[in-house]
């Protein structure tokens, strides 16, 4: 698999990674044996970057990733986790004492002495402008609790504020064919600053898999059921903030672009990998077959210019009126 430098971490990772939210919570039940098999299949397919968070299943995802790490050679897998969403979202919660406690818990869950990469998990917007917050993160690096830190953001403005911080190694942002906003300023500025870009929600919560239609339903404990209007967290995390019916129409217009022998999901992942400045894209997977299929997108040829133009046209006509001004 193609390797890219993960921003200021200096680590090289495969361009297609694995998002481990599905393995912890909010996507319906995934048995632990299936979760471990999915992680193993991803690694065997060339994946070397796994993204998790302390809030996914209240630590379950981290613990499963930790069990998986014990089966792999040391240093083979770079693990990024996230912190901050297990407490009420007030800027005052983002303190050095809390950071130490949160990272100690993640270190125990993952079974490591030093966390490869810790990201603030979509904190309140004022946090990105707090010198004290980033000084605390620098302290965690100095104390060798973490090797590097980054941020996971909801908006482009938050990303740009974080990129300007000299210690920020990576920015994680939603980027897919239904969310083109980051292409205009965030990716170029990240490239210029040497900050890595982790592209999350690459399949728009499954919309860009091409497997859904108007009759598709999801389990009650799946965020695609309970968060469609942002009832539990930012609505942009569910279907990328796009109305489900609008998203289905967009996918139908994009489907003719998909080459023979390639799935819609692979096409969508290849599109992200083609964007200058992207370090790694982190699709989730609920089973080994999905993990292997996602990883295979790294081996596809870059998409032709005509495909890129149609993606932009579909976005401008259908999607931009809903999301462009918000994210």
C-alpha atoms as a PDB file:
ATOM      1  CA  UNK A   1       0.000   0.000   0.000  1.00  0.00           C
ATOM      2  CA  UNK A   2       1.154   3.533  -0.755  1.00  0.00           C
ATOM      3  CA  UNK A   3       2.764   5.144   2.292  1.00  0.00           C
ATOM      4  CA  UNK A   4       2.442   8.831   3.200  1.00  0.00           C
ATOM      5  CA  UNK A   5       3.973  10.927   5.964  1.00  0.00           C
ATOM      6  CA  UNK A   6       1.467  11.651   8.737  1.00  0.00           C
ATOM      7  CA  UNK A   7       2.170  15.334   9.089  1.00  0.00           C
ATOM      8  CA  UNK A   8       4.418  16.489  11.894  1.00  0.00           C
ATOM      9  CA  UNK A   9       4.426  13.053  13.519  1.00  0.00           C
ATOM     10  CA  UNK A  10       7.025  12.046  10.917  1.00  0.00           C
ATOM     11  CA  UNK A  11       5.489   8.562  10.796  1.00  0.00           C
ATOM     12  CA  UNK A  12       4.723   6.870   7.495  1.00  0.00           C
ATOM     13  CA  UNK A  13       1.309   5.222   7.244  1.00  0.00           C
ATOM     14  CA  UNK A  14      -0.716   3.515   4.547  1.00  0.00           C
ATOM     15  CA  UNK A  15      -2.988   5.926   2.702  1.00  0.00           C
ATOM     16  CA  UNK A  16      -6.056   3.858   3.650  1.00  0.00           C
ATOM     17  CA  UNK A  17      -6.414   3.296   7.366  1.00  0.00           C
ATOM     18  CA  UNK A  18      -9.215   1.994   9.566  1.00  0.00           C
ATOM     19  CA  UNK A  19     -11.669   3.941  11.676  1.00  0.00           C
ATOM     20  CA  UNK A  20     -12.618   1.957  14.772  1.00  0.00           C
ATOM     21  CA  UNK A  21     -15.803   3.782  15.814  1.00  0.00           C
ATOM     22  CA  UNK A  22     -17.904   0.938  14.423  1.00  0.00           C
ATOM     23  CA  UNK A  23     -16.072  -1.518  16.652  1.00  0.00           C
ATOM     24  CA  UNK A  24     -17.069   0.284  19.832  1.00  0.00           C
ATOM     25  CA  UNK A  25     -20.563   1.738  19.576  1.00  0.00           C
ATOM     26  CA  UNK A  26     -23.212   3.684  17.663  1.00  0.00           C
ATOM     27  CA  UNK A  27     -23.328   1.488  14.550  1.00  0.00           C
ATOM     28  CA  UNK A  28     -25.268  -1.477  15.873  1.00  0.00           C
ATOM     29  CA  UNK A  29     -23.758  -4.474  17.611  1.00  0.00           C
ATOM     30  CA  UNK A  30     -20.384  -5.812  16.453  1.00  0.00           C
ATOM     31  CA  UNK A  31     -19.296  -8.932  18.403  1.00  0.00           C
ATOM     32  CA  UNK A  32     -15.766  -8.743  19.818  1.00  0.00           C
ATOM     33  CA  UNK A  33     -14.515 -11.682  17.768  1.00  0.00           C
ATOM     34  CA  UNK A  34     -15.758  -9.963  14.611  1.00  0.00           C
ATOM     35  CA  UNK A  35     -14.073  -6.724  15.663  1.00  0.00           C
ATOM     36  CA  UNK A  36     -10.724  -8.441  16.184  1.00  0.00           C
ATOM     37  CA  UNK A  37     -11.069 -10.309  12.889  1.00  0.00           C
ATOM     38  CA  UNK A  38     -11.783  -7.009  11.144  1.00  0.00           C
ATOM     39  CA  UNK A  39      -8.659  -5.388  12.605  1.00  0.00           C
ATOM     40  CA  UNK A  40      -6.557  -8.384  11.607  1.00  0.00           C
ATOM     41  CA  UNK A  41      -7.925  -8.424   8.056  1.00  0.00           C
ATOM     42  CA  UNK A  42      -7.172  -4.722   7.691  1.00  0.00           C
ATOM     43  CA  UNK A  43      -3.567  -5.184   8.819  1.00  0.00           C
ATOM     44  CA  UNK A  44      -3.069  -8.136   6.503  1.00  0.00           C
ATOM     45  CA  UNK A  45      -4.344  -5.959   3.640  1.00  0.00           C
ATOM     46  CA  UNK A  46      -1.709  -3.310   4.319  1.00  0.00           C
ATOM     47  CA  UNK A  47      -3.455  -0.984   6.776  1.00  0.00           C
ATOM     48  CA  UNK A  48      -0.974   0.516   9.260  1.00  0.00           C
ATOM     49  CA  UNK A  49      -3.097   3.304  10.807  1.00  0.00           C
ATOM     50  CA  UNK A  50      -6.050   2.818  13.161  1.00  0.00           C
ATOM     51  CA  UNK A  51      -8.146   5.666  14.587  1.00  0.00           C
ATOM     52  CA  UNK A  52     -10.170   5.228  17.765  1.00  0.00           C
ATOM     53  CA  UNK A  53     -11.397   7.324  20.709  1.00  0.00           C
ATOM     54  CA  UNK A  54     -11.888   6.981  24.444  1.00  0.00           C
ATOM     55  CA  UNK A  55     -15.627   7.622  24.050  1.00  0.00           C
ATOM     56  CA  UNK A  56     -16.304   4.826  21.535  1.00  0.00           C
ATOM     57  CA  UNK A  57     -18.139   2.302  23.660  1.00  0.00           C
ATOM     58  CA  UNK A  58     -16.725   4.143  26.709  1.00  0.00           C
ATOM     59  CA  UNK A  59     -13.318   2.608  26.013  1.00  0.00           C
ATOM     60  CA  UNK A  60     -14.415  -0.643  24.366  1.00  0.00           C
ATOM     61  CA  UNK A  61     -12.962   0.325  20.980  1.00  0.00           C
ATOM     62  CA  UNK A  62      -9.622   1.218  22.568  1.00  0.00           C
ATOM     63  CA  UNK A  63      -9.519  -2.039  24.512  1.00  0.00           C
ATOM     64  CA  UNK A  64     -10.242  -4.071  21.383  1.00  0.00           C
ATOM     65  CA  UNK A  65      -7.524  -2.225  19.478  1.00  0.00           C
ATOM     66  CA  UNK A  66      -5.195  -2.892  22.420  1.00  0.00           C
ATOM     67  CA  UNK A  67      -5.914  -6.627  22.249  1.00  0.00           C
ATOM     68  CA  UNK A  68      -5.227  -6.525  18.536  1.00  0.00           C
ATOM     69  CA  UNK A  69      -1.925  -4.687  19.013  1.00  0.00           C
ATOM     70  CA  UNK A  70      -0.642  -7.491  21.215  1.00  0.00           C
ATOM     71  CA  UNK A  71      -0.912  -9.847  18.213  1.00  0.00           C
ATOM     72  CA  UNK A  72       1.168  -7.644  15.893  1.00  0.00           C
ATOM     73  CA  UNK A  73       4.873  -6.769  15.731  1.00  0.00           C
ATOM     74  CA  UNK A  74       5.785  -3.707  17.780  1.00  0.00           C
ATOM     75  CA  UNK A  75       5.616  -0.498  15.781  1.00  0.00           C
ATOM     76  CA  UNK A  76       3.738  -2.009  12.841  1.00  0.00           C
ATOM     77  CA  UNK A  77       0.504  -0.131  13.550  1.00  0.00           C
ATOM     78  CA  UNK A  78       0.188   3.564  14.353  1.00  0.00           C
ATOM     79  CA  UNK A  79      -2.806   4.166  16.620  1.00  0.00           C
ATOM     80  CA  UNK A  80      -4.490   7.525  16.987  1.00  0.00           C
ATOM     81  CA  UNK A  81      -6.988   8.016  19.763  1.00  0.00           C
ATOM     82  CA  UNK A  82      -9.097  10.991  20.782  1.00  0.00           C
ATOM     83  CA  UNK A  83     -10.072  12.537  24.104  1.00  0.00           C
ATOM     84  CA  UNK A  84     -12.551  14.988  25.555  1.00  0.00           C
ATOM     85  CA  UNK A  85     -16.025  13.744  24.657  1.00  0.00           C
ATOM     86  CA  UNK A  86     -16.640  11.807  27.854  1.00  0.00           C
ATOM     87  CA  UNK A  87     -17.358  14.978  29.837  1.00  0.00           C
ATOM     88  CA  UNK A  88     -19.767  17.907  29.424  1.00  0.00           C
ATOM     89  CA  UNK A  89     -18.539  20.040  26.551  1.00  0.00           C
ATOM     90  CA  UNK A  90     -17.292  23.099  28.389  1.00  0.00           C
ATOM     91  CA  UNK A  91     -13.978  24.791  27.503  1.00  0.00           C
ATOM     92  CA  UNK A  92     -12.988  24.723  31.179  1.00  0.00           C
ATOM     93  CA  UNK A  93     -12.807  20.912  31.102  1.00  0.00           C
ATOM     94  CA  UNK A  94      -9.756  20.989  28.835  1.00  0.00           C
ATOM     95  CA  UNK A  95      -7.056  21.153  31.521  1.00  0.00           C
ATOM     96  CA  UNK A  96      -3.687  19.500  32.050  1.00  0.00           C
ATOM     97  CA  UNK A  97      -4.996  17.458  34.992  1.00  0.00           C
ATOM     98  CA  UNK A  98      -7.850  16.127  32.892  1.00  0.00           C
ATOM     99  CA  UNK A  99      -5.520  15.466  29.963  1.00  0.00           C
ATOM    100  CA  UNK A 100      -3.262  13.405  32.200  1.00  0.00           C
ATOM    101  CA  UNK A 101      -6.193  11.392  33.538  1.00  0.00           C
ATOM    102  CA  UNK A 102      -7.732  10.882  30.108  1.00  0.00           C
ATOM    103  CA  UNK A 103      -4.484   9.797  28.476  1.00  0.00           C
ATOM    104  CA  UNK A 104      -3.624   7.506  31.388  1.00  0.00           C
ATOM    105  CA  UNK A 105      -6.954   5.757  30.822  1.00  0.00           C
ATOM    106  CA  UNK A 106      -6.299   5.444  27.085  1.00  0.00           C
ATOM    107  CA  UNK A 107      -2.779   4.137  27.692  1.00  0.00           C
ATOM    108  CA  UNK A 108      -4.234   1.455  29.950  1.00  0.00           C
ATOM    109  CA  UNK A 109      -6.991   0.598  27.469  1.00  0.00           C
ATOM    110  CA  UNK A 110      -4.524   0.291  24.600  1.00  0.00           C
ATOM    111  CA  UNK A 111      -1.819  -1.383  26.685  1.00  0.00           C
ATOM    112  CA  UNK A 112       0.922   1.072  25.686  1.00  0.00           C
ATOM    113  CA  UNK A 113       3.288   3.333  27.592  1.00  0.00           C
ATOM    114  CA  UNK A 114       3.228   6.151  25.030  1.00  0.00           C
ATOM    115  CA  UNK A 115       0.265   7.022  22.833  1.00  0.00           C
ATOM    116  CA  UNK A 116       1.263   7.485  19.188  1.00  0.00           C
ATOM    117  CA  UNK A 117      -1.161  10.328  18.526  1.00  0.00           C
ATOM    118  CA  UNK A 118      -3.814  11.938  20.717  1.00  0.00           C
ATOM    119  CA  UNK A 119      -6.430  14.227  19.194  1.00  0.00           C
ATOM    120  CA  UNK A 120      -8.783  16.655  20.886  1.00  0.00           C
ATOM    121  CA  UNK A 121     -12.149  15.180  19.965  1.00  0.00           C
ATOM    122  CA  UNK A 122     -14.183  17.984  18.361  1.00  0.00           C
ATOM    123  CA  UNK A 123     -13.987  20.223  21.442  1.00  0.00           C
ATOM    124  CA  UNK A 124     -15.909  23.496  21.879  1.00  0.00           C
ATOM    125  CA  UNK A 125     -14.666  26.083  19.378  1.00  0.00           C
ATOM    126  CA  UNK A 126     -12.973  28.362  21.982  1.00  0.00           C
ATOM    127  CA  UNK A 127     -10.604  25.498  22.888  1.00  0.00           C
ATOM    128  CA  UNK A 128      -8.747  25.898  19.587  1.00  0.00           C
ATOM    129  CA  UNK A 129      -7.754  29.455  20.559  1.00  0.00           C
ATOM    130  CA  UNK A 130      -6.564  28.617  24.089  1.00  0.00           C
ATOM    131  CA  UNK A 131      -2.805  28.884  24.634  1.00  0.00           C
ATOM    132  CA  UNK A 132      -3.194  26.992  27.913  1.00  0.00           C
ATOM    133  CA  UNK A 133      -4.728  23.984  26.153  1.00  0.00           C
ATOM    134  CA  UNK A 134      -1.854  23.639  23.716  1.00  0.00           C
ATOM    135  CA  UNK A 135       0.733  24.255  26.431  1.00  0.00           C
ATOM    136  CA  UNK A 136      -0.865  21.351  28.319  1.00  0.00           C
ATOM    137  CA  UNK A 137      -0.597  19.151  25.240  1.00  0.00           C
ATOM    138  CA  UNK A 138       3.069  20.121  24.893  1.00  0.00           C
ATOM    139  CA  UNK A 139       3.517  19.043  28.509  1.00  0.00           C
ATOM    140  CA  UNK A 140       2.074  15.603  27.735  1.00  0.00           C
ATOM    141  CA  UNK A 141       4.667  15.231  24.986  1.00  0.00           C
ATOM    142  CA  UNK A 142       7.454  16.343  27.326  1.00  0.00           C
ATOM    143  CA  UNK A 143       6.263  13.842  29.940  1.00  0.00           C
ATOM    144  CA  UNK A 144       6.342  11.105  27.267  1.00  0.00           C
ATOM    145  CA  UNK A 145       2.703  10.206  27.790  1.00  0.00           C
ATOM    146  CA  UNK A 146       2.061  10.941  24.119  1.00  0.00           C
ATOM    147  CA  UNK A 147       4.342  11.117  21.081  1.00  0.00           C
ATOM    148  CA  UNK A 148       2.294  13.729  19.193  1.00  0.00           C
ATOM    149  CA  UNK A 149      -1.028  15.505  19.260  1.00  0.00           C
ATOM    150  CA  UNK A 150      -3.618  16.736  16.812  1.00  0.00           C
ATOM    151  CA  UNK A 151      -7.226  17.833  16.638  1.00  0.00           C
ATOM    152  CA  UNK A 152     -10.451  16.472  15.227  1.00  0.00           C
ATOM    153  CA  UNK A 153     -12.665  19.306  14.012  1.00  0.00           C
ATOM    154  CA  UNK A 154     -16.187  19.931  12.817  1.00  0.00           C
ATOM    155  CA  UNK A 155     -15.624  23.138  10.822  1.00  0.00           C
ATOM    156  CA  UNK A 156     -13.085  24.513   8.396  1.00  0.00           C
ATOM    157  CA  UNK A 157     -12.524  27.526  10.627  1.00  0.00           C
ATOM    158  CA  UNK A 158     -11.538  25.262  13.527  1.00  0.00           C
ATOM    159  CA  UNK A 159      -9.131  23.409  11.256  1.00  0.00           C
ATOM    160  CA  UNK A 160      -7.435  26.600  10.104  1.00  0.00           C
ATOM    161  CA  UNK A 161      -7.032  27.818  13.687  1.00  0.00           C
ATOM    162  CA  UNK A 162      -5.435  24.508  14.681  1.00  0.00           C
ATOM    163  CA  UNK A 163      -3.112  24.386  11.665  1.00  0.00           C
ATOM    164  CA  UNK A 164      -1.569  27.674  12.799  1.00  0.00           C
ATOM    165  CA  UNK A 165      -0.441  26.051  16.078  1.00  0.00           C
ATOM    166  CA  UNK A 166       3.198  24.941  15.766  1.00  0.00           C
ATOM    167  CA  UNK A 167       2.742  21.779  17.838  1.00  0.00           C
ATOM    168  CA  UNK A 168      -0.299  20.410  16.016  1.00  0.00           C
ATOM    169  CA  UNK A 169       0.770  17.344  14.035  1.00  0.00           C
ATOM    170  CA  UNK A 170      -2.528  16.438  12.379  1.00  0.00           C
ATOM    171  CA  UNK A 171      -6.028  17.674  11.686  1.00  0.00           C
ATOM    172  CA  UNK A 172      -8.901  15.243  11.277  1.00  0.00           C
ATOM    173  CA  UNK A 173     -11.813  16.556   9.245  1.00  0.00           C
ATOM    174  CA  UNK A 174     -14.810  15.214   7.344  1.00  0.00           C
ATOM    175  CA  UNK A 175     -13.907  14.972   3.665  1.00  0.00           C
ATOM    176  CA  UNK A 176     -15.779  13.044   1.004  1.00  0.00           C
ATOM    177  CA  UNK A 177     -17.558  13.571  -2.303  1.00  0.00           C
ATOM    178  CA  UNK A 178     -20.484  15.159  -0.429  1.00  0.00           C
ATOM    179  CA  UNK A 179     -18.244  17.466   1.658  1.00  0.00           C
ATOM    180  CA  UNK A 180     -15.862  19.388  -0.604  1.00  0.00           C
ATOM    181  CA  UNK A 181     -15.394  22.454   1.592  1.00  0.00           C
ATOM    182  CA  UNK A 182     -11.957  21.458   2.990  1.00  0.00           C
ATOM    183  CA  UNK A 183     -10.478  21.322  -0.529  1.00  0.00           C
ATOM    184  CA  UNK A 184     -10.538  25.088  -0.936  1.00  0.00           C
ATOM    185  CA  UNK A 185      -8.392  26.243   1.979  1.00  0.00           C
ATOM    186  CA  UNK A 186      -7.844  23.613   4.667  1.00  0.00           C
ATOM    187  CA  UNK A 187      -5.891  21.085   2.589  1.00  0.00           C
ATOM    188  CA  UNK A 188      -3.605  23.670   0.936  1.00  0.00           C
ATOM    189  CA  UNK A 189      -2.807  25.329   4.280  1.00  0.00           C
ATOM    190  CA  UNK A 190      -2.166  21.982   5.952  1.00  0.00           C
ATOM    191  CA  UNK A 191       0.221  20.996   3.163  1.00  0.00           C
ATOM    192  CA  UNK A 192       2.083  24.292   3.443  1.00  0.00           C
ATOM    193  CA  UNK A 193       2.411  23.903   7.219  1.00  0.00           C
ATOM    194  CA  UNK A 194       3.400  20.236   7.131  1.00  0.00           C
ATOM    195  CA  UNK A 195       0.277  19.226   9.072  1.00  0.00           C
ATOM    196  CA  UNK A 196      -1.204  15.829   8.299  1.00  0.00           C
ATOM    197  CA  UNK A 197      -4.816  15.518   7.189  1.00  0.00           C
ATOM    198  CA  UNK A 198      -6.859  12.541   8.399  1.00  0.00           C
ATOM    199  CA  UNK A 199     -10.039  12.271   6.305  1.00  0.00           C
ATOM    200  CA  UNK A 200     -12.928  10.892   8.313  1.00  0.00           C
ATOM    201  CA  UNK A 201     -16.532   9.928   7.412  1.00  0.00           C
ATOM    202  CA  UNK A 202     -15.215   9.143   3.915  1.00  0.00           C
ATOM    203  CA  UNK A 203     -18.327   7.224   2.883  1.00  0.00           C
ATOM    204  CA  UNK A 204     -20.792   9.723   4.404  1.00  0.00           C
ATOM    205  CA  UNK A 205     -21.974   7.164   6.977  1.00  0.00           C
ATOM    206  CA  UNK A 206     -22.410   4.572   4.250  1.00  0.00           C
ATOM    207  CA  UNK A 207     -24.297   6.717   1.750  1.00  0.00           C
ATOM    208  CA  UNK A 208     -21.332   6.552  -0.623  1.00  0.00           C
ATOM    209  CA  UNK A 209     -21.239   2.772  -0.434  1.00  0.00           C
ATOM    210  CA  UNK A 210     -24.118   2.779  -2.921  1.00  0.00           C
ATOM    211  CA  UNK A 211     -25.914   0.105  -0.919  1.00  0.00           C
ATOM    212  CA  UNK A 212     -28.776   2.201   0.485  1.00  0.00           C
ATOM    213  CA  UNK A 213     -32.111   3.318  -0.895  1.00  0.00           C
ATOM    214  CA  UNK A 214     -35.310   4.964   0.347  1.00  0.00           C
ATOM    215  CA  UNK A 215     -36.332   1.737   2.082  1.00  0.00           C
ATOM    216  CA  UNK A 216     -33.123   1.282   4.093  1.00  0.00           C
ATOM    217  CA  UNK A 217     -33.516   1.302   7.875  1.00  0.00           C
ATOM    218  CA  UNK A 218     -30.934   1.185  10.641  1.00  0.00           C
ATOM    219  CA  UNK A 219     -30.902  -0.282  14.143  1.00  0.00           C
ATOM    220  CA  UNK A 220     -32.188   1.787  17.038  1.00  0.00           C
ATOM    221  CA  UNK A 221     -28.660   1.995  18.534  1.00  0.00           C
ATOM    222  CA  UNK A 222     -27.187   3.180  15.212  1.00  0.00           C
ATOM    223  CA  UNK A 223     -26.492   6.929  15.024  1.00  0.00           C
ATOM    224  CA  UNK A 224     -27.979   6.934  11.523  1.00  0.00           C
ATOM    225  CA  UNK A 225     -31.300   6.397  13.283  1.00  0.00           C
ATOM    226  CA  UNK A 226     -30.995   8.551  16.391  1.00  0.00           C
ATOM    227  CA  UNK A 227     -28.815  11.470  15.236  1.00  0.00           C
ATOM    228  CA  UNK A 228     -30.310  12.499  11.910  1.00  0.00           C
ATOM    229  CA  UNK A 229     -31.109  15.970  13.244  1.00  0.00           C
ATOM    230  CA  UNK A 230     -28.127  16.238  15.583  1.00  0.00           C
ATOM    231  CA  UNK A 231     -29.950  15.014  18.673  1.00  0.00           C
ATOM    232  CA  UNK A 232     -26.813  13.506  20.264  1.00  0.00           C
ATOM    233  CA  UNK A 233     -23.815  15.149  18.550  1.00  0.00           C
ATOM    234  CA  UNK A 234     -23.056  17.319  15.539  1.00  0.00           C
ATOM    235  CA  UNK A 235     -25.408  16.367  12.723  1.00  0.00           C
ATOM    236  CA  UNK A 236     -22.512  16.686  10.300  1.00  0.00           C
ATOM    237  CA  UNK A 237     -21.191  13.367  11.596  1.00  0.00           C
ATOM    238  CA  UNK A 238     -24.288  11.546  10.298  1.00  0.00           C
ATOM    239  CA  UNK A 239     -24.502  11.291   6.500  1.00  0.00           C
ATOM    240  CA  UNK A 240     -22.074  14.262   6.511  1.00  0.00           C
ATOM    241  CA  UNK A 241     -24.997  16.514   7.404  1.00  0.00           C
ATOM    242  CA  UNK A 242     -26.703  15.790   4.081  1.00  0.00           C
ATOM    243  CA  UNK A 243     -30.408  15.020   3.934  1.00  0.00           C
ATOM    244  CA  UNK A 244     -30.711  11.277   3.328  1.00  0.00           C
ATOM    245  CA  UNK A 245     -32.910  11.570   0.233  1.00  0.00           C
ATOM    246  CA  UNK A 246     -30.636  14.235  -1.265  1.00  0.00           C
ATOM    247  CA  UNK A 247     -27.632  12.038  -0.619  1.00  0.00           C
ATOM    248  CA  UNK A 248     -29.265   9.101  -2.354  1.00  0.00           C
ATOM    249  CA  UNK A 249     -29.910  11.237  -5.446  1.00  0.00           C
ATOM    250  CA  UNK A 250     -26.287  12.420  -5.458  1.00  0.00           C
ATOM    251  CA  UNK A 251     -25.030   8.845  -5.286  1.00  0.00           C
ATOM    252  CA  UNK A 252     -27.254   7.826  -8.181  1.00  0.00           C
ATOM    253  CA  UNK A 253     -25.711  10.579 -10.305  1.00  0.00           C
ATOM    254  CA  UNK A 254     -22.185   9.587  -9.286  1.00  0.00           C
ATOM    255  CA  UNK A 255     -22.664   5.839  -9.812  1.00  0.00           C
ATOM    256  CA  UNK A 256     -22.040   5.900 -13.617  1.00  0.00           C
ATOM    257  CA  UNK A 257     -18.504   7.177 -12.925  1.00  0.00           C
ATOM    258  CA  UNK A 258     -17.489   4.001 -11.103  1.00  0.00           C
ATOM    259  CA  UNK A 259     -15.164   1.838 -13.255  1.00  0.00           C
ATOM    260  CA  UNK A 260     -16.045  -1.776 -13.976  1.00  0.00           C
ATOM    261  CA  UNK A 261     -14.852  -4.111 -11.231  1.00  0.00           C
ATOM    262  CA  UNK A 262     -14.715  -1.305  -8.663  1.00  0.00           C
ATOM    263  CA  UNK A 263     -17.284  -0.714  -5.930  1.00  0.00           C
ATOM    264  CA  UNK A 264     -18.864   2.643  -5.224  1.00  0.00           C
ATOM    265  CA  UNK A 265     -17.144   2.680  -1.836  1.00  0.00           C
ATOM    266  CA  UNK A 266     -13.739   2.045  -3.381  1.00  0.00           C
ATOM    267  CA  UNK A 267     -14.349   4.810  -5.917  1.00  0.00           C
ATOM    268  CA  UNK A 268     -15.232   7.202  -3.079  1.00  0.00           C
ATOM    269  CA  UNK A 269     -12.086   6.283  -1.120  1.00  0.00           C
ATOM    270  CA  UNK A 270      -9.870   6.654  -4.195  1.00  0.00           C
ATOM    271  CA  UNK A 271     -11.338  10.115  -4.777  1.00  0.00           C
ATOM    272  CA  UNK A 272     -10.216  11.164  -1.277  1.00  0.00           C
ATOM    273  CA  UNK A 273      -6.763   9.633  -1.677  1.00  0.00           C
ATOM    274  CA  UNK A 274      -6.346  11.645  -4.884  1.00  0.00           C
ATOM    275  CA  UNK A 275      -6.757  14.972  -3.076  1.00  0.00           C
ATOM    276  CA  UNK A 276      -3.401  16.730  -2.513  1.00  0.00           C
ATOM    277  CA  UNK A 277      -2.648  17.029   1.171  1.00  0.00           C
ATOM    278  CA  UNK A 278      -4.541  13.980   2.425  1.00  0.00           C
ATOM    279  CA  UNK A 279      -2.320  11.798   4.609  1.00  0.00           C
ATOM    280  CA  UNK A 280      -4.738   8.957   5.344  1.00  0.00           C
ATOM    281  CA  UNK A 281      -8.429   8.199   4.911  1.00  0.00           C
ATOM    282  CA  UNK A 282     -10.119   6.202   7.673  1.00  0.00           C
ATOM    283  CA  UNK A 283     -13.180   4.236   6.532  1.00  0.00           C
ATOM    284  CA  UNK A 284     -14.822   2.084   9.148  1.00  0.00           C
ATOM    285  CA  UNK A 285     -15.576  -1.583   8.726  1.00  0.00           C
ATOM    286  CA  UNK A 286     -17.824  -4.016  10.555  1.00  0.00           C
ATOM    287  CA  UNK A 287     -16.341  -7.229   9.157  1.00  0.00           C
ATOM    288  CA  UNK A 288     -13.163  -8.523   7.475  1.00  0.00           C
ATOM    289  CA  UNK A 289     -14.651  -8.365   3.982  1.00  0.00           C
ATOM    290  CA  UNK A 290     -15.337  -4.647   4.300  1.00  0.00           C
ATOM    291  CA  UNK A 291     -11.857  -4.013   5.706  1.00  0.00           C
ATOM    292  CA  UNK A 292     -10.181  -5.824   2.802  1.00  0.00           C
ATOM    293  CA  UNK A 293     -12.354  -4.092   0.201  1.00  0.00           C
ATOM    294  CA  UNK A 294     -11.604  -0.666   1.668  1.00  0.00           C
ATOM    295  CA  UNK A 295      -7.858  -1.323   1.717  1.00  0.00           C
ATOM    296  CA  UNK A 296      -7.965  -2.372  -1.939  1.00  0.00           C
ATOM    297  CA  UNK A 297      -8.988   1.184  -2.899  1.00  0.00           C
ATOM    298  CA  UNK A 298      -5.378   2.237  -2.305  1.00  0.00           C
ATOM    299  CA  UNK A 299      -4.310   0.158  -5.280  1.00  0.00           C
ATOM    300  CA  UNK A 300      -6.692   1.741  -7.791  1.00  0.00           C
ATOM    301  CA  UNK A 301      -5.423   4.118 -10.445  1.00  0.00           C
ATOM    302  CA  UNK A 302      -6.013   7.848  -9.848  1.00  0.00           C
ATOM    303  CA  UNK A 303      -9.399   8.980 -11.128  1.00  0.00           C
ATOM    304  CA  UNK A 304      -9.617  10.767 -14.501  1.00  0.00           C
ATOM    305  CA  UNK A 305     -10.257  14.547 -14.614  1.00  0.00           C
ATOM    306  CA  UNK A 306     -13.744  14.021 -16.015  1.00  0.00           C
ATOM    307  CA  UNK A 307     -14.772  12.139 -12.878  1.00  0.00           C
ATOM    308  CA  UNK A 308     -13.489  14.966 -10.702  1.00  0.00           C
ATOM    309  CA  UNK A 309     -15.509  17.487 -12.703  1.00  0.00           C
ATOM    310  CA  UNK A 310     -18.740  15.502 -12.352  1.00  0.00           C
ATOM    311  CA  UNK A 311     -18.197  15.144  -8.602  1.00  0.00           C
ATOM    312  CA  UNK A 312     -17.903  18.919  -8.343  1.00  0.00           C
ATOM    313  CA  UNK A 313     -20.988  19.497 -10.494  1.00  0.00           C
ATOM    314  CA  UNK A 314     -23.118  17.133  -8.405  1.00  0.00           C
ATOM    315  CA  UNK A 315     -21.875  18.747  -5.202  1.00  0.00           C
ATOM    316  CA  UNK A 316     -22.556  22.285  -6.439  1.00  0.00           C
ATOM    317  CA  UNK A 317     -26.081  21.459  -7.588  1.00  0.00           C
ATOM    318  CA  UNK A 318     -27.367  19.135  -4.869  1.00  0.00           C
ATOM    319  CA  UNK A 319     -25.166  19.268  -1.789  1.00  0.00           C
ATOM    320  CA  UNK A 320     -23.645  22.723  -1.449  1.00  0.00           C
ATOM    321  CA  UNK A 321     -27.004  24.421  -0.706  1.00  0.00           C
ATOM    322  CA  UNK A 322     -27.329  22.200   2.386  1.00  0.00           C
ATOM    323  CA  UNK A 323     -23.793  22.055   3.784  1.00  0.00           C
ATOM    324  CA  UNK A 324     -21.399  24.540   2.167  1.00  0.00           C
ATOM    325  CA  UNK A 325     -22.012  27.412   4.546  1.00  0.00           C
ATOM    326  CA  UNK A 326     -21.987  25.284   7.702  1.00  0.00           C
ATOM    327  CA  UNK A 327     -18.951  23.028   7.298  1.00  0.00           C
END
